[in-house]
Amino acid sequence: MASPRFTACGMPYWADIQNQVLHPPTWLFSVLDPTVAAVAYLALLAAVACAGMTLALKRTGVGLTAAVCAGLAWSLSSWLMGHHIHLTFMAAAAWAPWTWWACFGVLAGAPSPRDHALLAGSVALWIAAGSVDLLLILGVGGAVVLTG
């Protein structure tokens, strides 16, 4: 008898990070029709990516118009939209600017516990997105930017 807890000849479903079981936007697939959930998921990730990049750049002193344009450019970029079939890549790339935003807050003088909590939360969401390889690639790139 098949069990919803196991897939692929007995592999626990929760054991594969790419299943995104702990990634909150993925929960849309539990409550919506799969087609509607897929569209809503992609739109939500594009909005998350745009807002994150906008806030990250605003925190560095970039003007609002430039930050919004950069956020739109990132969220609608061919790289991000081209990975719409790789949900783990798109999700990880959407959370990356939020981690950079939180890092800018931690590195901006006297960080508060709130700044550390935001950094921990954004990294947790990035990991829950299921693309650890992209976490390492964009994390190293972010570290280079941050150390300037």
N, C-alpha and C. Protein backbone atom coordinates (compact mmCIF):
# COMPACT_ATOMS: atom_id res chain seq x y z
N MET A 1 0.84 -1.18 0.00
CA MET A 1 0.00 0.00 0.00
C MET A 1 0.89 1.25 0.00
N ALA A 2 0.56 2.20 -0.82
CA ALA A 2 1.34 3.43 -0.92
C ALA A 2 1.09 4.32 0.29
N SER A 3 2.12 4.97 0.73
CA SER A 3 2.01 5.90 1.85
C SER A 3 2.38 7.30 1.37
N PRO A 4 1.61 8.33 1.74
CA PRO A 4 1.95 9.69 1.31
C PRO A 4 3.24 10.20 1.96
N ARG A 5 3.74 9.48 2.97
CA ARG A 5 4.96 9.92 3.64
C ARG A 5 6.22 9.44 2.92
N PHE A 6 6.07 8.52 1.98
CA PHE A 6 7.23 7.94 1.32
C PHE A 6 7.07 8.01 -0.20
N THR A 7 8.18 8.20 -0.90
CA THR A 7 8.19 8.20 -2.36
C THR A 7 9.43 7.44 -2.82
N ALA A 8 9.52 7.17 -4.09
CA ALA A 8 10.72 6.58 -4.69
C ALA A 8 11.21 5.34 -3.95
N CYS A 9 10.39 4.34 -3.90
CA CYS A 9 10.74 3.06 -3.28
C CYS A 9 11.05 3.18 -1.79
N GLY A 10 10.33 4.01 -1.10
CA GLY A 10 10.46 4.08 0.34
C GLY A 10 11.24 5.26 0.89
N MET A 11 11.70 6.15 0.04
CA MET A 11 12.43 7.32 0.54
C MET A 11 11.45 8.27 1.23
N PRO A 12 11.76 8.67 2.46
CA PRO A 12 10.85 9.60 3.15
C PRO A 12 10.73 10.91 2.39
N TYR A 13 9.51 11.33 2.16
CA TYR A 13 9.24 12.55 1.40
C TYR A 13 9.91 13.77 2.04
N TRP A 14 9.89 13.83 3.36
CA TRP A 14 10.47 14.96 4.08
C TRP A 14 11.99 14.96 4.02
N ALA A 15 12.61 13.85 3.65
CA ALA A 15 14.07 13.75 3.67
C ALA A 15 14.72 14.47 2.49
N ASP A 16 13.98 14.71 1.43
CA ASP A 16 14.55 15.37 0.25
C ASP A 16 14.24 16.86 0.32
N ILE A 17 15.29 17.66 0.47
CA ILE A 17 15.10 19.10 0.61
C ILE A 17 14.46 19.72 -0.62
N GLN A 18 14.63 19.08 -1.78
CA GLN A 18 14.06 19.64 -3.01
C GLN A 18 12.54 19.51 -3.08
N ASN A 19 11.94 18.77 -2.17
CA ASN A 19 10.48 18.70 -2.12
C ASN A 19 9.88 19.97 -1.53
N GLN A 20 10.67 20.80 -0.91
CA GLN A 20 10.26 22.09 -0.36
C GLN A 20 9.10 21.97 0.64
N VAL A 21 9.10 20.91 1.41
CA VAL A 21 8.02 20.68 2.37
C VAL A 21 7.93 21.81 3.39
N LEU A 22 9.06 22.38 3.78
CA LEU A 22 9.08 23.43 4.80
C LEU A 22 9.08 24.84 4.22
N HIS A 23 8.93 24.97 2.91
CA HIS A 23 8.93 26.27 2.25
C HIS A 23 7.50 26.79 2.18
N PRO A 24 7.16 27.83 2.95
CA PRO A 24 5.76 28.27 3.04
C PRO A 24 5.03 28.51 1.71
N PRO A 25 5.64 29.14 0.68
CA PRO A 25 4.89 29.31 -0.56
C PRO A 25 4.47 28.00 -1.22
N THR A 26 5.21 26.93 -0.96
CA THR A 26 4.87 25.63 -1.55
C THR A 26 3.56 25.10 -0.99
N TRP A 27 3.17 25.56 0.17
CA TRP A 27 1.93 25.09 0.79
C TRP A 27 0.71 25.49 -0.04
N LEU A 28 0.87 26.42 -0.97
CA LEU A 28 -0.25 26.76 -1.87
C LEU A 28 -0.75 25.53 -2.62
N PHE A 29 0.17 24.61 -2.90
CA PHE A 29 -0.20 23.41 -3.64
C PHE A 29 -1.08 22.47 -2.81
N SER A 30 -1.11 22.67 -1.51
CA SER A 30 -1.95 21.85 -0.64
C SER A 30 -3.40 22.31 -0.62
N VAL A 31 -3.61 23.57 -0.94
CA VAL A 31 -4.96 24.12 -0.80
C VAL A 31 -5.58 24.59 -2.11
N LEU A 32 -4.79 24.69 -3.17
CA LEU A 32 -5.31 25.17 -4.45
C LEU A 32 -5.20 24.10 -5.52
N ASP A 33 -5.96 24.28 -6.58
CA ASP A 33 -5.81 23.45 -7.77
C ASP A 33 -4.36 23.56 -8.25
N PRO A 34 -3.72 22.48 -8.68
CA PRO A 34 -2.30 22.54 -9.06
C PRO A 34 -1.95 23.62 -10.09
N THR A 35 -2.80 23.82 -11.08
CA THR A 35 -2.51 24.84 -12.09
C THR A 35 -2.56 26.24 -11.48
N VAL A 36 -3.59 26.49 -10.69
CA VAL A 36 -3.72 27.79 -10.03
C VAL A 36 -2.58 27.98 -9.04
N ALA A 37 -2.24 26.93 -8.30
CA ALA A 37 -1.15 27.02 -7.32
C ALA A 37 0.18 27.32 -8.00
N ALA A 38 0.43 26.72 -9.16
CA ALA A 38 1.69 26.96 -9.86
C ALA A 38 1.81 28.42 -10.29
N VAL A 39 0.74 28.97 -10.83
CA VAL A 39 0.76 30.37 -11.25
C VAL A 39 0.91 31.29 -10.04
N ALA A 40 0.16 31.00 -8.98
CA ALA A 40 0.25 31.81 -7.76
C ALA A 40 1.64 31.71 -7.14
N TYR A 41 2.22 30.53 -7.16
CA TYR A 41 3.56 30.30 -6.60
C TYR A 41 4.60 31.13 -7.35
N LEU A 42 4.56 31.07 -8.67
CA LEU A 42 5.53 31.83 -9.48
C LEU A 42 5.34 33.33 -9.30
N ALA A 43 4.09 33.79 -9.27
CA ALA A 43 3.83 35.22 -9.07
C ALA A 43 4.29 35.67 -7.69
N LEU A 44 4.03 34.84 -6.68
CA LEU A 44 4.46 35.17 -5.32
C LEU A 44 5.98 35.26 -5.23
N LEU A 45 6.68 34.30 -5.84
CA LEU A 45 8.15 34.34 -5.80
C LEU A 45 8.71 35.55 -6.55
N ALA A 46 8.07 35.92 -7.65
CA ALA A 46 8.52 37.12 -8.37
C ALA A 46 8.33 38.36 -7.50
N ALA A 47 7.21 38.43 -6.79
CA ALA A 47 6.97 39.57 -5.89
C ALA A 47 7.96 39.57 -4.72
N VAL A 48 8.25 38.40 -4.17
CA VAL A 48 9.22 38.29 -3.08
C VAL A 48 10.60 38.75 -3.56
N ALA A 49 10.99 38.32 -4.76
CA ALA A 49 12.29 38.70 -5.31
C ALA A 49 12.36 40.22 -5.54
N CYS A 50 11.30 40.79 -6.08
CA CYS A 50 11.27 42.23 -6.34
C CYS A 50 11.35 43.03 -5.05
N ALA A 51 10.54 42.67 -4.08
CA ALA A 51 10.54 43.39 -2.80
C ALA A 51 11.88 43.24 -2.09
N GLY A 52 12.44 42.06 -2.11
CA GLY A 52 13.73 41.83 -1.44
C GLY A 52 14.85 42.65 -2.05
N MET A 53 14.92 42.65 -3.37
CA MET A 53 15.99 43.41 -4.04
C MET A 53 15.79 44.91 -3.82
N THR A 54 14.55 45.36 -3.87
CA THR A 54 14.28 46.78 -3.63
C THR A 54 14.72 47.18 -2.24
N LEU A 55 14.36 46.41 -1.23
CA LEU A 55 14.74 46.73 0.14
C LEU A 55 16.24 46.63 0.37
N ALA A 56 16.87 45.61 -0.23
CA ALA A 56 18.32 45.46 -0.07
C ALA A 56 19.05 46.67 -0.64
N LEU A 57 18.63 47.12 -1.80
CA LEU A 57 19.31 48.28 -2.41
C LEU A 57 18.98 49.58 -1.68
N LYS A 58 17.75 49.70 -1.18
CA LYS A 58 17.41 50.90 -0.39
C LYS A 58 18.30 50.98 0.85
N ARG A 59 18.58 49.85 1.45
CA ARG A 59 19.41 49.83 2.66
C ARG A 59 20.85 50.24 2.36
N THR A 60 21.28 50.12 1.10
CA THR A 60 22.64 50.54 0.73
C THR A 60 22.70 52.01 0.34
N GLY A 61 21.55 52.69 0.32
CA GLY A 61 21.54 54.11 0.00
C GLY A 61 21.11 54.44 -1.41
N VAL A 62 20.71 53.45 -2.18
CA VAL A 62 20.24 53.69 -3.54
C VAL A 62 18.87 54.36 -3.46
N GLY A 63 18.59 55.25 -4.38
CA GLY A 63 17.30 55.95 -4.41
C GLY A 63 16.15 54.99 -4.67
N LEU A 64 14.94 55.41 -4.31
CA LEU A 64 13.77 54.55 -4.42
C LEU A 64 13.49 54.12 -5.85
N THR A 65 13.55 55.06 -6.78
CA THR A 65 13.26 54.72 -8.18
C THR A 65 14.24 53.69 -8.71
N ALA A 66 15.52 53.91 -8.45
CA ALA A 66 16.54 52.97 -8.91
C ALA A 66 16.37 51.62 -8.23
N ALA A 67 16.04 51.62 -6.95
CA ALA A 67 15.87 50.35 -6.22
C ALA A 67 14.68 49.56 -6.76
N VAL A 68 13.57 50.25 -7.04
CA VAL A 68 12.40 49.57 -7.59
C VAL A 68 12.70 49.03 -8.98
N CYS A 69 13.38 49.82 -9.80
CA CYS A 69 13.75 49.35 -11.15
C CYS A 69 14.66 48.12 -11.07
N ALA A 70 15.61 48.14 -10.15
CA ALA A 70 16.50 46.98 -9.98
C ALA A 70 15.71 45.78 -9.46
N GLY A 71 14.77 46.01 -8.56
CA GLY A 71 13.94 44.92 -8.06
C GLY A 71 13.11 44.29 -9.17
N LEU A 72 12.52 45.13 -10.01
CA LEU A 72 11.76 44.61 -11.15
C LEU A 72 12.67 43.89 -12.13
N ALA A 73 13.85 44.44 -12.37
CA ALA A 73 14.80 43.80 -13.28
C ALA A 73 15.20 42.42 -12.75
N TRP A 74 15.43 42.31 -11.45
CA TRP A 74 15.82 41.02 -10.87
C TRP A 74 14.65 40.03 -10.92
N SER A 75 13.48 40.48 -10.53
CA SER A 75 12.35 39.55 -10.45
C SER A 75 11.84 39.12 -11.82
N LEU A 76 12.06 39.93 -12.84
CA LEU A 76 11.61 39.58 -14.19
C LEU A 76 12.76 39.24 -15.12
N SER A 77 13.95 39.02 -14.54
CA SER A 77 15.13 38.73 -15.36
C SER A 77 14.97 37.39 -16.09
N SER A 78 15.68 37.28 -17.19
CA SER A 78 15.59 36.04 -17.96
C SER A 78 16.13 34.86 -17.16
N TRP A 79 17.10 35.10 -16.28
CA TRP A 79 17.63 34.00 -15.48
C TRP A 79 16.57 33.50 -14.51
N LEU A 80 15.93 34.41 -13.81
CA LEU A 80 14.93 34.01 -12.82
C LEU A 80 13.70 33.41 -13.50
N MET A 81 13.20 34.06 -14.53
CA MET A 81 12.02 33.55 -15.22
C MET A 81 12.34 32.29 -16.02
N GLY A 82 13.57 32.19 -16.48
CA GLY A 82 13.99 30.99 -17.22
C GLY A 82 14.03 29.75 -16.35
N HIS A 83 14.12 29.95 -15.05
CA HIS A 83 14.15 28.82 -14.12
C HIS A 83 12.77 28.54 -13.53
N HIS A 84 11.72 28.99 -14.19
CA HIS A 84 10.37 28.74 -13.65
C HIS A 84 10.05 27.26 -13.59
N ILE A 85 10.75 26.44 -14.37
CA ILE A 85 10.53 25.00 -14.28
C ILE A 85 11.38 24.36 -13.18
N HIS A 86 12.35 25.09 -12.69
CA HIS A 86 13.18 24.62 -11.57
C HIS A 86 12.74 25.41 -10.33
N LEU A 87 11.70 24.95 -9.69
CA LEU A 87 11.11 25.72 -8.61
C LEU A 87 12.07 25.97 -7.46
N THR A 88 12.99 25.04 -7.22
CA THR A 88 13.94 25.26 -6.13
C THR A 88 14.89 26.41 -6.44
N PHE A 89 15.35 26.49 -7.69
CA PHE A 89 16.24 27.60 -8.07
C PHE A 89 15.51 28.93 -7.95
N MET A 90 14.30 28.98 -8.50
CA MET A 90 13.56 30.24 -8.48
C MET A 90 13.27 30.67 -7.05
N ALA A 91 12.90 29.72 -6.21
CA ALA A 91 12.59 30.06 -4.82
C ALA A 91 13.84 30.55 -4.08
N ALA A 92 14.95 29.87 -4.27
CA ALA A 92 16.19 30.30 -3.60
C ALA A 92 16.63 31.67 -4.09
N ALA A 93 16.53 31.91 -5.38
CA ALA A 93 16.92 33.21 -5.92
C ALA A 93 15.99 34.31 -5.46
N ALA A 94 14.74 33.98 -5.18
CA ALA A 94 13.80 34.99 -4.68
C ALA A 94 14.15 35.40 -3.25
N TRP A 95 14.65 34.47 -2.44
CA TRP A 95 14.97 34.78 -1.04
C TRP A 95 16.37 35.38 -0.88
N ALA A 96 17.24 35.25 -1.88
CA ALA A 96 18.60 35.76 -1.77
C ALA A 96 18.67 37.24 -1.41
N PRO A 97 17.93 38.12 -2.08
CA PRO A 97 18.03 39.55 -1.72
C PRO A 97 17.59 39.85 -0.29
N TRP A 98 16.68 39.05 0.24
CA TRP A 98 16.25 39.24 1.63
C TRP A 98 17.41 38.95 2.58
N THR A 99 18.19 37.94 2.26
CA THR A 99 19.35 37.63 3.09
C THR A 99 20.38 38.75 2.98
N TRP A 100 20.58 39.26 1.77
CA TRP A 100 21.52 40.38 1.61
C TRP A 100 21.02 41.59 2.38
N TRP A 101 19.72 41.86 2.31
CA TRP A 101 19.13 42.98 3.06
C TRP A 101 19.39 42.82 4.54
N ALA A 102 19.18 41.62 5.06
CA ALA A 102 19.41 41.37 6.48
C ALA A 102 20.90 41.50 6.83
N CYS A 103 21.76 41.04 5.93
CA CYS A 103 23.22 41.18 6.15
C CYS A 103 23.63 42.64 6.22
N PHE A 104 23.07 43.45 5.35
CA PHE A 104 23.38 44.88 5.39
C PHE A 104 22.99 45.47 6.74
N GLY A 105 21.88 45.00 7.30
CA GLY A 105 21.45 45.48 8.61
C GLY A 105 22.38 45.04 9.72
N VAL A 106 22.85 43.80 9.65
CA VAL A 106 23.76 43.28 10.68
C VAL A 106 25.11 44.00 10.61
N LEU A 107 25.55 44.31 9.40
CA LEU A 107 26.87 44.92 9.23
C LEU A 107 26.86 46.44 9.36
N ALA A 108 25.69 47.04 9.56
CA ALA A 108 25.58 48.50 9.58
C ALA A 108 25.76 49.07 10.98
N GLY A 109 26.86 48.80 11.59
CA GLY A 109 27.13 49.40 12.90
C GLY A 109 26.74 48.50 14.05
N ALA A 110 25.76 48.94 14.83
CA ALA A 110 25.32 48.21 16.01
C ALA A 110 24.05 47.43 15.69
N PRO A 111 24.18 46.17 15.28
CA PRO A 111 22.98 45.41 14.92
C PRO A 111 22.14 45.07 16.15
N SER A 112 20.85 45.05 15.94
CA SER A 112 19.92 44.71 17.02
C SER A 112 19.61 43.21 16.96
N PRO A 113 19.02 42.68 18.00
CA PRO A 113 18.57 41.28 17.94
C PRO A 113 17.59 41.06 16.78
N ARG A 114 16.81 42.09 16.47
CA ARG A 114 15.88 42.00 15.33
C ARG A 114 16.64 41.76 14.03
N ASP A 115 17.76 42.46 13.84
CA ASP A 115 18.56 42.26 12.63
C ASP A 115 19.07 40.83 12.52
N HIS A 116 19.52 40.29 13.64
CA HIS A 116 20.00 38.90 13.65
C HIS A 116 18.87 37.92 13.40
N ALA A 117 17.70 38.19 13.95
CA ALA A 117 16.54 37.32 13.73
C ALA A 117 16.11 37.36 12.26
N LEU A 118 16.14 38.55 11.66
CA LEU A 118 15.79 38.66 10.24
C LEU A 118 16.79 37.91 9.37
N LEU A 119 18.06 37.99 9.72
CA LEU A 119 19.07 37.25 8.96
C LEU A 119 18.85 35.75 9.10
N ALA A 120 18.63 35.27 10.31
CA ALA A 120 18.40 33.85 10.53
C ALA A 120 17.13 33.37 9.80
N GLY A 121 16.07 34.17 9.86
CA GLY A 121 14.83 33.81 9.19
C GLY A 121 14.97 33.76 7.68
N SER A 122 15.68 34.73 7.12
CA SER A 122 15.84 34.75 5.66
C SER A 122 16.72 33.59 5.19
N VAL A 123 17.74 33.25 5.95
CA VAL A 123 18.58 32.10 5.59
C VAL A 123 17.76 30.80 5.71
N ALA A 124 16.93 30.71 6.75
CA ALA A 124 16.08 29.52 6.91
C ALA A 124 15.12 29.36 5.73
N LEU A 125 14.53 30.47 5.27
CA LEU A 125 13.63 30.40 4.11
C LEU A 125 14.40 30.04 2.85
N TRP A 126 15.61 30.54 2.74
CA TRP A 126 16.46 30.23 1.59
C TRP A 126 16.78 28.74 1.58
N ILE A 127 17.10 28.16 2.73
CA ILE A 127 17.39 26.73 2.81
C ILE A 127 16.12 25.92 2.54
N ALA A 128 15.00 26.35 3.10
CA ALA A 128 13.73 25.64 2.89
C ALA A 128 13.30 25.66 1.43
N ALA A 129 13.83 26.63 0.67
CA ALA A 129 13.50 26.69 -0.76
C ALA A 129 14.04 25.49 -1.51
N GLY A 130 15.03 24.81 -0.95
CA GLY A 130 15.47 23.53 -1.51
C GLY A 130 16.62 23.54 -2.47
N SER A 131 17.30 24.65 -2.63
CA SER A 131 18.43 24.70 -3.56
C SER A 131 19.68 25.11 -2.79
N VAL A 132 20.29 24.15 -2.15
CA VAL A 132 21.48 24.43 -1.35
C VAL A 132 22.63 24.88 -2.25
N ASP A 133 22.72 24.35 -3.46
CA ASP A 133 23.79 24.77 -4.37
C ASP A 133 23.69 26.25 -4.70
N LEU A 134 22.48 26.73 -4.95
CA LEU A 134 22.30 28.15 -5.23
C LEU A 134 22.53 29.00 -3.99
N LEU A 135 22.22 28.44 -2.84
CA LEU A 135 22.52 29.12 -1.58
C LEU A 135 24.02 29.38 -1.47
N LEU A 136 24.82 28.39 -1.82
CA LEU A 136 26.27 28.55 -1.75
C LEU A 136 26.77 29.54 -2.81
N ILE A 137 26.27 29.43 -4.03
CA ILE A 137 26.73 30.31 -5.11
C ILE A 137 26.36 31.77 -4.82
N LEU A 138 25.09 32.03 -4.54
CA LEU A 138 24.66 33.40 -4.28
C LEU A 138 25.14 33.88 -2.92
N GLY A 139 25.33 32.96 -1.98
CA GLY A 139 25.87 33.33 -0.68
C GLY A 139 27.30 33.81 -0.78
N VAL A 140 28.11 33.14 -1.58
CA VAL A 140 29.49 33.58 -1.78
C VAL A 140 29.50 34.92 -2.52
N GLY A 141 28.64 35.04 -3.53
CA GLY A 141 28.54 36.31 -4.25
C GLY A 141 28.10 37.43 -3.33
N GLY A 142 27.16 37.15 -2.46
CA GLY A 142 26.71 38.16 -1.51
C GLY A 142 27.80 38.52 -0.53
N ALA A 143 28.58 37.53 -0.11
CA ALA A 143 29.69 37.80 0.82
C ALA A 143 30.73 38.71 0.17
N VAL A 144 30.98 38.50 -1.11
CA VAL A 144 31.94 39.36 -1.83
C VAL A 144 31.42 40.79 -1.88
N VAL A 145 30.13 40.95 -2.16
CA VAL A 145 29.52 42.29 -2.21
C VAL A 145 29.59 42.94 -0.83
N LEU A 146 29.26 42.17 0.19
CA LEU A 146 29.20 42.72 1.53
C LEU A 146 30.57 43.15 2.06
N THR A 147 31.60 42.42 1.69
CA THR A 147 32.93 42.75 2.17
C THR A 147 33.59 43.82 1.31
N GLY A 148 32.96 44.11 0.17
CA GLY A 148 33.30 45.18 -0.74
C GLY A 148 34.69 45.45 -0.99
